Amino acid sequence: MMSVRIYHNPRCSKSRETLALLEQRGLTPEIIKYLDTPPDADQLKVLLEQLGMRSARELMRTKEEEYRTLGLAEVTDEAELIAAMVAHPRLIERPIVVKGERAALGRPPEQVLDIL
């Protein structure tokens, strides 16, 4: 069986619901608390590709304070957006579930079932 990984924030209800959904399916995912160990730029690029996202902005939490204070709404450079997420992992939307070469955002949690 292929392993499953979740980029998880235990304080987020959607992240907790997604983890519970995986466990209800009998899966024991590798849990990455991304606020403690954020993905680097290369890992974020891979995640964006696996998620089928065309821009890093699609993976950003645009309502976070850091988004406003860093002026990211005006930034168009992808590398700069990715660097902001690496430096400020709260900007990364969650949860992200990865299985093999595919990934899904758990918003809503049931959306991750498509890759399982």
PDB file of N, CA and C in Angstrom:
ATOM      1  N   MET A   1       0.840  -1.186   0.000  1.00  0.00           N
ATOM      2  CA  MET A   1       0.000   0.000   0.000  1.00  0.00           C
ATOM      3  C   MET A   1       0.887   1.251   0.000  1.00  0.00           C
ATOM      4  N   MET A   2       0.508   2.217  -0.810  1.00  0.00           N
ATOM      5  CA  MET A   2       1.250   3.463  -0.919  1.00  0.00           C
ATOM      6  C   MET A   2       1.021   4.311   0.331  1.00  0.00           C
ATOM      7  N   SER A   3       2.072   4.960   0.807  1.00  0.00           N
ATOM      8  CA  SER A   3       1.943   5.759   2.023  1.00  0.00           C
ATOM      9  C   SER A   3       1.192   7.058   1.744  1.00  0.00           C
ATOM     10  N   VAL A   4       0.613   7.570   2.808  1.00  0.00           N
ATOM     11  CA  VAL A   4      -0.145   8.814   2.751  1.00  0.00           C
ATOM     12  C   VAL A   4       0.504   9.784   3.729  1.00  0.00           C
ATOM     13  N   ARG A   5       0.602  11.032   3.305  1.00  0.00           N
ATOM     14  CA  ARG A   5       1.216  12.083   4.112  1.00  0.00           C
ATOM     15  C   ARG A   5       0.213  13.234   4.213  1.00  0.00           C
ATOM     16  N   ILE A   6       0.149  13.839   5.403  1.00  0.00           N
ATOM     17  CA  ILE A   6      -0.725  15.004   5.578  1.00  0.00           C
ATOM     18  C   ILE A   6       0.084  16.150   6.171  1.00  0.00           C
ATOM     19  N   TYR A   7      -0.018  17.302   5.525  1.00  0.00           N
ATOM     20  CA  TYR A   7       0.551  18.530   6.054  1.00  0.00           C
ATOM     21  C   TYR A   7      -0.550  19.104   6.946  1.00  0.00           C
ATOM     22  N   HIS A   8      -0.309  19.060   8.237  1.00  0.00           N
ATOM     23  CA  HIS A   8      -1.359  19.191   9.238  1.00  0.00           C
ATOM     24  C   HIS A   8      -1.103  20.328  10.208  1.00  0.00           C
ATOM     25  N   ASN A   9      -2.178  20.998  10.584  1.00  0.00           N
ATOM     26  CA  ASN A   9      -2.150  21.985  11.659  1.00  0.00           C
ATOM     27  C   ASN A   9      -3.211  21.522  12.664  1.00  0.00           C
ATOM     28  N   PRO A  10      -2.786  20.978  13.812  1.00  0.00           N
ATOM     29  CA  PRO A  10      -3.749  20.447  14.770  1.00  0.00           C
ATOM     30  C   PRO A  10      -4.732  21.473  15.321  1.00  0.00           C
ATOM     31  N   ARG A  11      -4.437  22.770  15.180  1.00  0.00           N
ATOM     32  CA  ARG A  11      -5.367  23.804  15.647  1.00  0.00           C
ATOM     33  C   ARG A  11      -6.458  24.121  14.624  1.00  0.00           C
ATOM     34  N   CYS A  12      -6.351  23.580  13.436  1.00  0.00           N
ATOM     35  CA  CYS A  12      -7.305  23.859  12.353  1.00  0.00           C
ATOM     36  C   CYS A  12      -8.377  22.762  12.310  1.00  0.00           C
ATOM     37  N   SER A  13      -9.639  23.158  12.366  1.00  0.00           N
ATOM     38  CA  SER A  13     -10.719  22.166  12.373  1.00  0.00           C
ATOM     39  C   SER A  13     -10.756  21.351  11.080  1.00  0.00           C
ATOM     40  N   LYS A  14     -10.531  21.976   9.931  1.00  0.00           N
ATOM     41  CA  LYS A  14     -10.542  21.237   8.657  1.00  0.00           C
ATOM     42  C   LYS A  14      -9.401  20.231   8.613  1.00  0.00           C
ATOM     43  N   SER A  15      -8.265  20.607   9.177  1.00  0.00           N
ATOM     44  CA  SER A  15      -7.124  19.707   9.216  1.00  0.00           C
ATOM     45  C   SER A  15      -7.432  18.512  10.123  1.00  0.00           C
ATOM     46  N   ARG A  16      -8.024  18.777  11.292  1.00  0.00           N
ATOM     47  CA  ARG A  16      -8.399  17.681  12.195  1.00  0.00           C
ATOM     48  C   ARG A  16      -9.451  16.781  11.562  1.00  0.00           C
ATOM     49  N   GLU A  17     -10.432  17.364  10.885  1.00  0.00           N
ATOM     50  CA  GLU A  17     -11.474  16.576  10.216  1.00  0.00           C
ATOM     51  C   GLU A  17     -10.881  15.705   9.113  1.00  0.00           C
ATOM     52  N   THR A  18      -9.940  16.249   8.368  1.00  0.00           N
ATOM     53  CA  THR A  18      -9.307  15.491   7.289  1.00  0.00           C
ATOM     54  C   THR A  18      -8.501  14.335   7.853  1.00  0.00           C
ATOM     55  N   LEU A  19      -7.739  14.573   8.903  1.00  0.00           N
ATOM     56  CA  LEU A  19      -6.972  13.507   9.545  1.00  0.00           C
ATOM     57  C   LEU A  19      -7.913  12.419  10.062  1.00  0.00           C
ATOM     58  N   ALA A  20      -9.011  12.802  10.692  1.00  0.00           N
ATOM     59  CA  ALA A  20      -9.989  11.818  11.188  1.00  0.00           C
ATOM     60  C   ALA A  20     -10.579  11.013  10.032  1.00  0.00           C
ATOM     61  N   LEU A  21     -10.854  11.657   8.916  1.00  0.00           N
ATOM     62  CA  LEU A  21     -11.387  10.975   7.747  1.00  0.00           C
ATOM     63  C   LEU A  21     -10.408   9.922   7.235  1.00  0.00           C
ATOM     64  N   LEU A  22      -9.135  10.266   7.183  1.00  0.00           N
ATOM     65  CA  LEU A  22      -8.110   9.309   6.759  1.00  0.00           C
ATOM     66  C   LEU A  22      -8.057   8.125   7.717  1.00  0.00           C
ATOM     67  N   GLU A  23      -8.085   8.423   9.008  1.00  0.00           N
ATOM     68  CA  GLU A  23      -8.016   7.359  10.012  1.00  0.00           C
ATOM     69  C   GLU A  23      -9.255   6.469   9.964  1.00  0.00           C
ATOM     70  N   GLN A  24     -10.427   7.054   9.687  1.00  0.00           N
ATOM     71  CA  GLN A  24     -11.655   6.269   9.545  1.00  0.00           C
ATOM     72  C   GLN A  24     -11.565   5.299   8.370  1.00  0.00           C
ATOM     73  N   ARG A  25     -10.747   5.649   7.394  1.00  0.00           N
ATOM     74  CA  ARG A  25     -10.542   4.792   6.223  1.00  0.00           C
ATOM     75  C   ARG A  25      -9.448   3.751   6.486  1.00  0.00           C
ATOM     76  N   GLY A  26      -8.968   3.689   7.721  1.00  0.00           N
ATOM     77  CA  GLY A  26      -7.951   2.714   8.090  1.00  0.00           C
ATOM     78  C   GLY A  26      -6.535   3.112   7.727  1.00  0.00           C
ATOM     79  N   LEU A  27      -6.344   4.382   7.404  1.00  0.00           N
ATOM     80  CA  LEU A  27      -5.018   4.860   7.019  1.00  0.00           C
ATOM     81  C   LEU A  27      -4.310   5.474   8.228  1.00  0.00           C
ATOM     82  N   THR A  28      -3.017   5.294   8.282  1.00  0.00           N
ATOM     83  CA  THR A  28      -2.182   5.924   9.297  1.00  0.00           C
ATOM     84  C   THR A  28      -1.190   6.811   8.559  1.00  0.00           C
ATOM     85  N   PRO A  29      -1.588   8.035   8.294  1.00  0.00           N
ATOM     86  CA  PRO A  29      -0.724   8.904   7.493  1.00  0.00           C
ATOM     87  C   PRO A  29       0.494   9.388   8.266  1.00  0.00           C
ATOM     88  N   GLU A  30       1.534   9.700   7.505  1.00  0.00           N
ATOM     89  CA  GLU A  30       2.670  10.420   8.078  1.00  0.00           C
ATOM     90  C   GLU A  30       2.178  11.842   8.318  1.00  0.00           C
ATOM     91  N   ILE A  31       2.281  12.314   9.541  1.00  0.00           N
ATOM     92  CA  ILE A  31       1.783  13.642   9.889  1.00  0.00           C
ATOM     93  C   ILE A  31       2.952  14.622   9.921  1.00  0.00           C
ATOM     94  N   ILE A  32       2.847  15.627   9.080  1.00  0.00           N
ATOM     95  CA  ILE A  32       3.857  16.684   9.049  1.00  0.00           C
ATOM     96  C   ILE A  32       3.204  17.942   9.605  1.00  0.00           C
ATOM     97  N   LYS A  33       3.629  18.341  10.769  1.00  0.00           N
ATOM     98  CA  LYS A  33       3.131  19.586  11.356  1.00  0.00           C
ATOM     99  C   LYS A  33       3.920  20.715  10.698  1.00  0.00           C
ATOM    100  N   TYR A  34       3.363  21.194   9.602  1.00  0.00           N
ATOM    101  CA  TYR A  34       4.113  22.087   8.724  1.00  0.00           C
ATOM    102  C   TYR A  34       4.459  23.433   9.348  1.00  0.00           C
ATOM    103  N   LEU A  35       3.790  23.807  10.429  1.00  0.00           N
ATOM    104  CA  LEU A  35       4.182  25.051  11.094  1.00  0.00           C
ATOM    105  C   LEU A  35       5.493  24.864  11.851  1.00  0.00           C
ATOM    106  N   ASP A  36       5.740  23.622  12.310  1.00  0.00           N
ATOM    107  CA  ASP A  36       6.984  23.305  13.012  1.00  0.00           C
ATOM    108  C   ASP A  36       8.117  22.969  12.038  1.00  0.00           C
ATOM    109  N   THR A  37       7.783  22.248  10.974  1.00  0.00           N
ATOM    110  CA  THR A  37       8.774  21.858   9.963  1.00  0.00           C
ATOM    111  C   THR A  37       8.211  22.193   8.577  1.00  0.00           C
ATOM    112  N   PRO A  38       8.301  23.460   8.203  1.00  0.00           N
ATOM    113  CA  PRO A  38       7.717  23.886   6.928  1.00  0.00           C
ATOM    114  C   PRO A  38       8.447  23.283   5.730  1.00  0.00           C
ATOM    115  N   PRO A  39       7.702  23.058   4.650  1.00  0.00           N
ATOM    116  CA  PRO A  39       8.352  22.586   3.428  1.00  0.00           C
ATOM    117  C   PRO A  39       9.272  23.672   2.882  1.00  0.00           C
ATOM    118  N   ASP A  40      10.345  23.235   2.205  1.00  0.00           N
ATOM    119  CA  ASP A  40      11.225  24.217   1.575  1.00  0.00           C
ATOM    120  C   ASP A  40      10.650  24.582   0.204  1.00  0.00           C
ATOM    121  N   ALA A  41      11.321  25.451  -0.497  1.00  0.00           N
ATOM    122  CA  ALA A  41      10.817  25.951  -1.782  1.00  0.00           C
ATOM    123  C   ALA A  41      10.628  24.815  -2.787  1.00  0.00           C
ATOM    124  N   ASP A  42      11.586  23.889  -2.846  1.00  0.00           N
ATOM    125  CA  ASP A  42      11.463  22.774  -3.794  1.00  0.00           C
ATOM    126  C   ASP A  42      10.274  21.893  -3.454  1.00  0.00           C
ATOM    127  N   GLN A  43      10.070  21.631  -2.165  1.00  0.00           N
ATOM    128  CA  GLN A  43       8.927  20.812  -1.761  1.00  0.00           C
ATOM    129  C   GLN A  43       7.613  21.515  -2.098  1.00  0.00           C
ATOM    130  N   LEU A  44       7.562  22.823  -1.900  1.00  0.00           N
ATOM    131  CA  LEU A  44       6.350  23.571  -2.242  1.00  0.00           C
ATOM    132  C   LEU A  44       6.067  23.516  -3.737  1.00  0.00           C
ATOM    133  N   LYS A  45       7.103  23.601  -4.546  1.00  0.00           N
ATOM    134  CA  LYS A  45       6.909  23.518  -6.003  1.00  0.00           C
ATOM    135  C   LYS A  45       6.331  22.164  -6.386  1.00  0.00           C
ATOM    136  N   VAL A  46       6.831  21.099  -5.752  1.00  0.00           N
ATOM    137  CA  VAL A  46       6.315  19.752  -6.027  1.00  0.00           C
ATOM    138  C   VAL A  46       4.856  19.658  -5.588  1.00  0.00           C
ATOM    139  N   LEU A  47       4.551  20.177  -4.406  1.00  0.00           N
ATOM    140  CA  LEU A  47       3.170  20.153  -3.923  1.00  0.00           C
ATOM    141  C   LEU A  47       2.237  20.908  -4.863  1.00  0.00           C
ATOM    142  N   LEU A  48       2.670  22.064  -5.325  1.00  0.00           N
ATOM    143  CA  LEU A  48       1.851  22.838  -6.268  1.00  0.00           C
ATOM    144  C   LEU A  48       1.561  22.031  -7.528  1.00  0.00           C
ATOM    145  N   GLU A  49       2.592  21.355  -8.026  1.00  0.00           N
ATOM    146  CA  GLU A  49       2.412  20.524  -9.217  1.00  0.00           C
ATOM    147  C   GLU A  49       1.455  19.367  -8.928  1.00  0.00           C
ATOM    148  N   GLN A  50       1.649  18.697  -7.792  1.00  0.00           N
ATOM    149  CA  GLN A  50       0.791  17.565  -7.439  1.00  0.00           C
ATOM    150  C   GLN A  50      -0.658  18.003  -7.231  1.00  0.00           C
ATOM    151  N   LEU A  51      -0.839  19.206  -6.742  1.00  0.00           N
ATOM    152  CA  LEU A  51      -2.182  19.743  -6.527  1.00  0.00           C
ATOM    153  C   LEU A  51      -2.809  20.260  -7.824  1.00  0.00           C
ATOM    154  N   GLY A  52      -2.009  20.381  -8.873  1.00  0.00           N
ATOM    155  CA  GLY A  52      -2.513  20.908 -10.143  1.00  0.00           C
ATOM    156  C   GLY A  52      -2.740  22.411 -10.105  1.00  0.00           C
ATOM    157  N   MET A  53      -2.016  23.092  -9.247  1.00  0.00           N
ATOM    158  CA  MET A  53      -2.164  24.545  -9.133  1.00  0.00           C
ATOM    159  C   MET A  53      -1.179  25.243 -10.060  1.00  0.00           C
ATOM    160  N   ARG A  54      -1.636  26.283 -10.695  1.00  0.00           N
ATOM    161  CA  ARG A  54      -0.811  27.002 -11.660  1.00  0.00           C
ATOM    162  C   ARG A  54      -0.006  28.127 -11.023  1.00  0.00           C
ATOM    163  N   SER A  55      -0.453  28.575  -9.851  1.00  0.00           N
ATOM    164  CA  SER A  55       0.234  29.675  -9.179  1.00  0.00           C
ATOM    165  C   SER A  55       0.346  29.376  -7.690  1.00  0.00           C
ATOM    166  N   ALA A  56       1.430  29.815  -7.092  1.00  0.00           N
ATOM    167  CA  ALA A  56       1.627  29.652  -5.651  1.00  0.00           C
ATOM    168  C   ALA A  56       0.520  30.361  -4.872  1.00  0.00           C
ATOM    169  N   ARG A  57      -0.024  31.414  -5.433  1.00  0.00           N
ATOM    170  CA  ARG A  57      -1.084  32.166  -4.750  1.00  0.00           C
ATOM    171  C   ARG A  57      -2.292  31.276  -4.457  1.00  0.00           C
ATOM    172  N   GLU A  58      -2.531  30.273  -5.301  1.00  0.00           N
ATOM    173  CA  GLU A  58      -3.662  29.370  -5.084  1.00  0.00           C
ATOM    174  C   GLU A  58      -3.520  28.578  -3.788  1.00  0.00           C
ATOM    175  N   LEU A  59      -2.308  28.439  -3.296  1.00  0.00           N
ATOM    176  CA  LEU A  59      -2.043  27.687  -2.077  1.00  0.00           C
ATOM    177  C   LEU A  59      -1.856  28.609  -0.868  1.00  0.00           C
ATOM    178  N   MET A  60      -2.081  29.892  -1.069  1.00  0.00           N
ATOM    179  CA  MET A  60      -1.851  30.858   0.003  1.00  0.00           C
ATOM    180  C   MET A  60      -3.137  31.207   0.729  1.00  0.00           C
ATOM    181  N   ARG A  61      -2.990  31.386   2.036  1.00  0.00           N
ATOM    182  CA  ARG A  61      -4.081  31.865   2.877  1.00  0.00           C
ATOM    183  C   ARG A  61      -4.037  33.398   2.825  1.00  0.00           C
ATOM    184  N   THR A  62      -4.818  33.960   1.936  1.00  0.00           N
ATOM    185  CA  THR A  62      -4.749  35.393   1.665  1.00  0.00           C
ATOM    186  C   THR A  62      -5.373  36.253   2.761  1.00  0.00           C
ATOM    187  N   LYS A  63      -6.049  35.630   3.719  1.00  0.00           N
ATOM    188  CA  LYS A  63      -6.647  36.413   4.806  1.00  0.00           C
ATOM    189  C   LYS A  63      -5.757  36.473   6.042  1.00  0.00           C
ATOM    190  N   GLU A  64      -4.600  35.823   5.993  1.00  0.00           N
ATOM    191  CA  GLU A  64      -3.666  35.882   7.122  1.00  0.00           C
ATOM    192  C   GLU A  64      -3.037  37.273   7.210  1.00  0.00           C
ATOM    193  N   GLU A  65      -2.727  37.686   8.418  1.00  0.00           N
ATOM    194  CA  GLU A  65      -2.105  38.990   8.659  1.00  0.00           C
ATOM    195  C   GLU A  65      -0.807  39.152   7.870  1.00  0.00           C
ATOM    196  N   GLU A  66       0.000  38.065   7.808  1.00  0.00           N
ATOM    197  CA  GLU A  66       1.277  38.130   7.090  1.00  0.00           C
ATOM    198  C   GLU A  66       1.076  38.474   5.617  1.00  0.00           C
ATOM    199  N   TYR A  67      -0.010  38.006   5.042  1.00  0.00           N
ATOM    200  CA  TYR A  67      -0.286  38.288   3.627  1.00  0.00           C
ATOM    201  C   TYR A  67      -0.397  39.795   3.412  1.00  0.00           C
ATOM    202  N   ARG A  68      -1.123  40.439   4.314  1.00  0.00           N
ATOM    203  CA  ARG A  68      -1.306  41.893   4.200  1.00  0.00           C
ATOM    204  C   ARG A  68      -0.020  42.648   4.536  1.00  0.00           C
ATOM    205  N   THR A  69       0.613  42.292   5.650  1.00  0.00           N
ATOM    206  CA  THR A  69       1.788  43.063   6.085  1.00  0.00           C
ATOM    207  C   THR A  69       2.966  42.915   5.132  1.00  0.00           C
ATOM    208  N   LEU A  70       3.051  41.783   4.436  1.00  0.00           N
ATOM    209  CA  LEU A  70       4.134  41.587   3.471  1.00  0.00           C
ATOM    210  C   LEU A  70       3.786  42.154   2.091  1.00  0.00           C
ATOM    211  N   GLY A  71       2.572  42.654   1.933  1.00  0.00           N
ATOM    212  CA  GLY A  71       2.157  43.230   0.648  1.00  0.00           C
ATOM    213  C   GLY A  71       2.107  42.205  -0.469  1.00  0.00           C
ATOM    214  N   LEU A  72       1.715  40.970  -0.149  1.00  0.00           N
ATOM    215  CA  LEU A  72       1.769  39.898  -1.147  1.00  0.00           C
ATOM    216  C   LEU A  72       0.707  40.006  -2.240  1.00  0.00           C
ATOM    217  N   ALA A  73      -0.320  40.790  -2.021  1.00  0.00           N
ATOM    218  CA  ALA A  73      -1.345  40.951  -3.056  1.00  0.00           C
ATOM    219  C   ALA A  73      -0.755  41.576  -4.325  1.00  0.00           C
ATOM    220  N   GLU A  74       0.301  42.375  -4.151  1.00  0.00           N
ATOM    221  CA  GLU A  74       0.928  43.042  -5.301  1.00  0.00           C
ATOM    222  C   GLU A  74       2.051  42.227  -5.933  1.00  0.00           C
ATOM    223  N   VAL A  75       2.460  41.155  -5.287  1.00  0.00           N
ATOM    224  CA  VAL A  75       3.589  40.354  -5.781  1.00  0.00           C
ATOM    225  C   VAL A  75       3.126  39.447  -6.919  1.00  0.00           C
ATOM    226  N   THR A  76       3.883  39.462  -8.017  1.00  0.00           N
ATOM    227  CA  THR A  76       3.557  38.593  -9.146  1.00  0.00           C
ATOM    228  C   THR A  76       4.615  37.522  -9.386  1.00  0.00           C
ATOM    229  N   ASP A  77       5.768  37.658  -8.776  1.00  0.00           N
ATOM    230  CA  ASP A  77       6.860  36.704  -8.963  1.00  0.00           C
ATOM    231  C   ASP A  77       6.598  35.427  -8.158  1.00  0.00           C
ATOM    232  N   GLU A  78       6.506  34.298  -8.849  1.00  0.00           N
ATOM    233  CA  GLU A  78       6.219  33.014  -8.199  1.00  0.00           C
ATOM    234  C   GLU A  78       7.267  32.661  -7.144  1.00  0.00           C
ATOM    235  N   ALA A  79       8.526  32.875  -7.452  1.00  0.00           N
ATOM    236  CA  ALA A  79       9.588  32.546  -6.501  1.00  0.00           C
ATOM    237  C   ALA A  79       9.442  33.367  -5.216  1.00  0.00           C
ATOM    238  N   GLU A  80       9.021  34.593  -5.353  1.00  0.00           N
ATOM    239  CA  GLU A  80       8.822  35.455  -4.191  1.00  0.00           C
ATOM    240  C   GLU A  80       7.641  34.978  -3.338  1.00  0.00           C
ATOM    241  N   LEU A  81       6.572  34.530  -3.998  1.00  0.00           N
ATOM    242  CA  LEU A  81       5.413  34.003  -3.273  1.00  0.00           C
ATOM    243  C   LEU A  81       5.789  32.723  -2.516  1.00  0.00           C
ATOM    244  N   ILE A  82       6.532  31.856  -3.185  1.00  0.00           N
ATOM    245  CA  ILE A  82       6.973  30.604  -2.556  1.00  0.00           C
ATOM    246  C   ILE A  82       7.896  30.910  -1.385  1.00  0.00           C
ATOM    247  N   ALA A  83       8.819  31.852  -1.568  1.00  0.00           N
ATOM    248  CA  ALA A  83       9.731  32.234  -0.492  1.00  0.00           C
ATOM    249  C   ALA A  83       8.958  32.763   0.716  1.00  0.00           C
ATOM    250  N   ALA A  84       7.889  33.488   0.471  1.00  0.00           N
ATOM    251  CA  ALA A  84       7.062  34.009   1.562  1.00  0.00           C
ATOM    252  C   ALA A  84       6.413  32.862   2.336  1.00  0.00           C
ATOM    253  N   MET A  85       5.957  31.831   1.625  1.00  0.00           N
ATOM    254  CA  MET A  85       5.339  30.683   2.303  1.00  0.00           C
ATOM    255  C   MET A  85       6.372  29.888   3.110  1.00  0.00           C
ATOM    256  N   VAL A  86       7.585  29.791   2.593  1.00  0.00           N
ATOM    257  CA  VAL A  86       8.652  29.097   3.321  1.00  0.00           C
ATOM    258  C   VAL A  86       8.976  29.862   4.606  1.00  0.00           C
ATOM    259  N   ALA A  87       9.094  31.170   4.498  1.00  0.00           N
ATOM    260  CA  ALA A  87       9.439  32.004   5.650  1.00  0.00           C
ATOM    261  C   ALA A  87       8.279  32.158   6.633  1.00  0.00           C
ATOM    262  N   HIS A  88       7.056  32.079   6.118  1.00  0.00           N
ATOM    263  CA  HIS A  88       5.853  32.279   6.935  1.00  0.00           C
ATOM    264  C   HIS A  88       4.861  31.149   6.636  1.00  0.00           C
ATOM    265  N   PRO A  89       5.097  29.960   7.191  1.00  0.00           N
ATOM    266  CA  PRO A  89       4.270  28.799   6.829  1.00  0.00           C
ATOM    267  C   PRO A  89       2.789  28.944   7.165  1.00  0.00           C
ATOM    268  N   ARG A  90       2.426  29.903   8.021  1.00  0.00           N
ATOM    269  CA  ARG A  90       0.988  30.134   8.264  1.00  0.00           C
ATOM    270  C   ARG A  90       0.266  30.527   6.983  1.00  0.00           C
ATOM    271  N   LEU A  91       1.018  30.994   5.994  1.00  0.00           N
ATOM    272  CA  LEU A  91       0.426  31.388   4.711  1.00  0.00           C
ATOM    273  C   LEU A  91       0.002  30.192   3.859  1.00  0.00           C
ATOM    274  N   ILE A  92       0.470  28.993   4.207  1.00  0.00           N
ATOM    275  CA  ILE A  92       0.170  27.797   3.409  1.00  0.00           C
ATOM    276  C   ILE A  92      -1.210  27.278   3.776  1.00  0.00           C
ATOM    277  N   GLU A  93      -2.058  27.113   2.756  1.00  0.00           N
ATOM    278  CA  GLU A  93      -3.393  26.551   2.973  1.00  0.00           C
ATOM    279  C   GLU A  93      -3.254  25.124   3.464  1.00  0.00           C
ATOM    280  N   ARG A  94      -4.191  24.695   4.276  1.00  0.00           N
ATOM    281  CA  ARG A  94      -4.129  23.359   4.851  1.00  0.00           C
ATOM    282  C   ARG A  94      -5.513  22.768   4.943  1.00  0.00           C
ATOM    283  N   PRO A  95      -5.566  21.481   5.136  1.00  0.00           N
ATOM    284  CA  PRO A  95      -4.490  20.490   5.103  1.00  0.00           C
ATOM    285  C   PRO A  95      -4.222  20.032   3.678  1.00  0.00           C
ATOM    286  N   ILE A  96      -3.013  19.554   3.449  1.00  0.00           N
ATOM    287  CA  ILE A  96      -2.645  18.977   2.156  1.00  0.00           C
ATOM    288  C   ILE A  96      -2.371  17.496   2.401  1.00  0.00           C
ATOM    289  N   VAL A  97      -3.018  16.646   1.614  1.00  0.00           N
ATOM    290  CA  VAL A  97      -2.802  15.209   1.707  1.00  0.00           C
ATOM    291  C   VAL A  97      -2.120  14.750   0.426  1.00  0.00           C
ATOM    292  N   VAL A  98      -1.077  13.943   0.588  1.00  0.00           N
ATOM    293  CA  VAL A  98      -0.306  13.449  -0.552  1.00  0.00           C
ATOM    294  C   VAL A  98      -0.310  11.928  -0.518  1.00  0.00           C
ATOM    295  N   LYS A  99      -0.604  11.355  -1.667  1.00  0.00           N
ATOM    296  CA  LYS A  99      -0.487   9.904  -1.850  1.00  0.00           C
ATOM    297  C   LYS A  99       0.165   9.684  -3.203  1.00  0.00           C
ATOM    298  N   GLY A 100       1.352   9.103  -3.186  1.00  0.00           N
ATOM    299  CA  GLY A 100       2.083   8.886  -4.432  1.00  0.00           C
ATOM    300  C   GLY A 100       2.415  10.207  -5.096  1.00  0.00           C
ATOM    301  N   GLU A 101       2.024  10.335  -6.340  1.00  0.00           N
ATOM    302  CA  GLU A 101       2.305  11.549  -7.111  1.00  0.00           C
ATOM    303  C   GLU A 101       1.137  12.524  -7.111  1.00  0.00           C
ATOM    304  N   ARG A 102       0.121  12.227  -6.317  1.00  0.00           N
ATOM    305  CA  ARG A 102      -1.067  13.079  -6.301  1.00  0.00           C
ATOM    306  C   ARG A 102      -1.236  13.729  -4.941  1.00  0.00           C
ATOM    307  N   ALA A 103      -1.845  14.892  -4.932  1.00  0.00           N
ATOM    308  CA  ALA A 103      -2.125  15.604  -3.689  1.00  0.00           C
ATOM    309  C   ALA A 103      -3.501  16.248  -3.800  1.00  0.00           C
ATOM    310  N   ALA A 104      -4.093  16.496  -2.634  1.00  0.00           N
ATOM    311  CA  ALA A 104      -5.393  17.162  -2.584  1.00  0.00           C
ATOM    312  C   ALA A 104      -5.440  18.041  -1.347  1.00  0.00           C
ATOM    313  N   LEU A 105      -6.159  19.124  -1.483  1.00  0.00           N
ATOM    314  CA  LEU A 105      -6.372  20.047  -0.381  1.00  0.00           C
ATOM    315  C   LEU A 105      -7.649  19.617   0.332  1.00  0.00           C
ATOM    316  N   GLY A 106      -7.591  19.474   1.638  1.00  0.00           N
ATOM    317  CA  GLY A 106      -8.746  19.024   2.407  1.00  0.00           C
ATOM    318  C   GLY A 106      -9.735  20.125   2.716  1.00  0.00           C
ATOM    319  N   ARG A 107     -10.168  20.820   1.712  1.00  0.00           N
ATOM    320  CA  ARG A 107     -11.176  21.877   1.847  1.00  0.00           C
ATOM    321  C   ARG A 107     -12.216  21.695   0.757  1.00  0.00           C
ATOM    322  N   PRO A 108     -13.281  20.983   1.012  1.00  0.00           N
ATOM    323  CA  PRO A 108     -13.656  20.304   2.245  1.00  0.00           C
ATOM    324  C   PRO A 108     -12.860  19.008   2.432  1.00  0.00           C
ATOM    325  N   PRO A 109     -12.874  18.441   3.642  1.00  0.00           N
ATOM    326  CA  PRO A 109     -12.084  17.239   3.909  1.00  0.00           C
ATOM    327  C   PRO A 109     -12.337  16.095   2.918  1.00  0.00           C
ATOM    328  N   GLU A 110     -13.572  15.937   2.481  1.00  0.00           N
ATOM    329  CA  GLU A 110     -13.924  14.844   1.558  1.00  0.00           C
ATOM    330  C   GLU A 110     -13.198  14.925   0.223  1.00  0.00           C
ATOM    331  N   GLN A 111     -12.664  16.088  -0.091  1.00  0.00           N
ATOM    332  CA  GLN A 111     -11.965  16.271  -1.359  1.00  0.00           C
ATOM    333  C   GLN A 111     -10.737  15.365  -1.456  1.00  0.00           C
ATOM    334  N   VAL A 112     -10.148  14.983  -0.317  1.00  0.00           N
ATOM    335  CA  VAL A 112      -8.952  14.131  -0.346  1.00  0.00           C
ATOM    336  C   VAL A 112      -9.278  12.702  -0.763  1.00  0.00           C
ATOM    337  N   LEU A 113     -10.539  12.320  -0.693  1.00  0.00           N
ATOM    338  CA  LEU A 113     -10.925  10.946  -1.059  1.00  0.00           C
ATOM    339  C   LEU A 113     -10.626  10.669  -2.529  1.00  0.00           C
ATOM    340  N   ASP A 114     -10.591  11.700  -3.342  1.00  0.00           N
ATOM    341  CA  ASP A 114     -10.322  11.541  -4.785  1.00  0.00           C
ATOM    342  C   ASP A 114      -8.949  10.947  -5.067  1.00  0.00           C
ATOM    343  N   ILE A 115      -7.994  11.111  -4.157  1.00  0.00           N
ATOM    344  CA  ILE A 115      -6.632  10.606  -4.423  1.00  0.00           C
ATOM    345  C   ILE A 115      -6.335   9.300  -3.695  1.00  0.00           C
ATOM    346  N   LEU A 116      -7.276   8.839  -2.870  1.00  0.00           N
ATOM    347  CA  LEU A 116      -7.011   7.632  -2.079  1.00  0.00           C
ATOM    348  C   LEU A 116      -7.325   6.380  -2.807  1.00  0.00           C
TER     349      LEU A 116
END
